[in-house]
Amino acid sequence: MSAPAPAPGSTSASDLDPVTLDRRDGPYGEIVLRRRGERLEIIANGCFLMDTSDGRSERLLIDAALAALPEERRRPDVLVGGLGVGFSLAHAAADPRWGRIVVVERERAVIDWHRDGPLRRISGAALADPRAVILHTDLVEYLRTTTDRYDALCLDIDNGPEWTVTEDNESLYSPDGLAACRARLNPGGVLAVWSANPSPAFAEALGNAGFSGVRAEEIQVARGVPDVVHLAVRTA
């Protein structure tokens, strides 16, 4: 996510030199946590993923999914794909309307940064919530093998369906991957997918995968195209 535009004459966080707080090599490559001024950044294999400068679109991912559920759905269960800097988890846990909150994160380093590291300031209260569980596993594999079902899947593991962090993630947005998402949803459940840019091709793929009510909600950013949350509903 882009940082807000600085005031005239001020120093932007992007003008500051980053300080590496942790760097690890894992099964998916290098993952780095950096501090740039007051902002924390996650970098994967040299690709910027997200930072703590804003969080509006990550919160929209949760709110839009809840708003799209039937009003009679009480205490819905949500799966959050990707822990990231913790905005989505923290926002879900702050809302008493959610039931079980399951987060799937494949990077052990990211989980550690939240449990015992600098990102704990964002997610600490959420991690103490008895509704919240973090699973250390790959989201694509989990969706294909688990028998658990959810009322909402809120997925944010890439910069978008057309800009994946690793090649393995591409299968999530394929017909087979979307079928796995649909199978993990209860009837009337909502699939919400974060993207750094609109993707008409992905919206078409959702419709072809048997989802209804396909639409996108946008969040304007300081520079460039808006962030987007793609939404789709599993009909009975």
Foldseek 3Di string as FASTA:
>chain_A
DDAADDDPPDDDLVNFDKDWPDWDQDPQGIWTWIDRPNKIWIAGPNHTQDIDRDLPVLLCLQVVQVVQFDPPDFQWEEEEEACGLNSNLLNVQVDPRHAAYEYEAQDPVNVCCCPPRDSVVRCVVSVVDPSYDYDHDHPQVCLVPDQAATQEYRYRQAQAQVGGSDPVCVVCLPLVNLLSVLNRYDARGKYKYKHQADDPVSLVSNVVSQWPPWDKDFDDHNDDHTIIITMTTHHD
